Amino acid sequence: MKVRKARVAWWAAFGLLVAALSVVAAGCGGGDDDGGASSALEGLGTSFEEIQELAREEGQVNIVQWPLYAQLVKEFTAASGCAVNLKDAGTSDDMITFMGTGEYDGIVASGNATVRLMTTGEVAPINEELIPNYADIHEPLTGQIHNSLDGVAMGVPHGRGYNPLAWRTDLVTPAPTSWSAIWENPNDYAGKISIYDDSIFIADAALYLKATQPDLGIEDPYALDDAQFTAAVDLMTQLAPNVGEWWADYSKQIQAYTNGDSVIGTTWPLQVNLLKADGVAVESLKPTEGATGWSDTWMVSSKAQNPNCMYLWMNHMASPEAQAAVAEGFGEAPANLKACELTKNTNHCEEQHAEDEAFWEDVYYWTTPVADCGDDRGEVCKTQEDWEAAWTEIRG
């Protein structure tokens, strides 16, 4: 999905603020003297070798993650001396809450969390030169609105994927090819539709309207003016009575599909992989209208107590070995394409379109809705707060 330059410019104003705060932090000590991005992190080494030495003194790292993202943890601890303490989150709002406590050194998050974390100063700019594996990150994933600010890298891209439509093949026929299966005929599966329990799902409704009601003029499903937003909320309101499961815990959705309590809905590739491994008759696809998705990023907290262990962790998770493990396990395209040579399924990267940029043209990565529409409409689009308020009404 292409970055919309106008919105990048909007966030650049925040970037200036973050940069200013970084300078102030550097003036208080704890950084290198060249004004680099790492200067905002107190206690961070000024070379990779120094980071390795200081990490052994820290001895641990506390991380917020999407479930099962952390890979080769024992190997990392053995090599670095850093014990890894993980906190799983079910939604991006959970991640914002956890990071707000100041208890965590870093996070891997999607754009509807990373943008908020960057603009509030919860995460610090990174120094790519202190993360050797950053050099191997697939270039189209870098410098995006969800992982950089004012041209400064704010994290290490993790990987990307899309939110597919999934169904029980023995209970849903014919096999769907369009999101219309849930939006146009919800009564067919009343009480057995499974929907992600987060306000960001309003974008999925907007994406369907983009394809089916072109008069609304929706271009970006996260940049919705009043008329567009109202239409998306109305569509969600019509769907809501037929939803049997609002999921945030991936394991509960797996149980619902296994039991047949849910037979169709939106999911992550992780659930599909685990269901298939258990022999459940389930299939998924990116429908003809496209899909929402994610391009996740590892970030270091601006208040990190163990910044050196976190830097080593980001470098570890950008390695081909860790990238291969998480990409194959979760069902996503790796950010480091050297991982493609290490996956058990030799066709994994081809199947996940790791280098096929055309495939991602109709995948809309999660981001944070803001007032600036990013075009000539100006600041008339609905904000994150509007989306959350509407979601509360939809959920009842």
Foldseek 3Di string as FASTA:
>chain_A
DDAQVLVLVVLQVLVVVLLVLQVVCLVVPQADDPSDQRSLAHPADPALVVLLVVLLVVQEFEEEEAPPLDPPQVVLCVRRNYHYHYDHFLDLVRVQVVLVVLPGFWYKDFAANQLVCSSVQQFTFDDVNSQVLLVQFAVVLPPHSSAAHNSTGFFRWWFKAFWWKKFQVVPDPPDDQAPCVQQVPLVVQALAEEAAQDLLCLLVLLLNCVVVPVVLVDDASLFHFDVSSVNSLVSLLVRLRRHNYHDRDLVVVLVCQQVVSHGIYIDFQLSVVVNVVVVGRMDIDQHPSGGEMGTIGMTTTSSRPSNSSSSSSSSVSSDLVSQQVSCVNRVTAGRRCNVCVVHPPVCSNVVRVNPPVVNCPRYHTDHFRFQQSSDPVGRRGDGNVNSVVSSVVSND
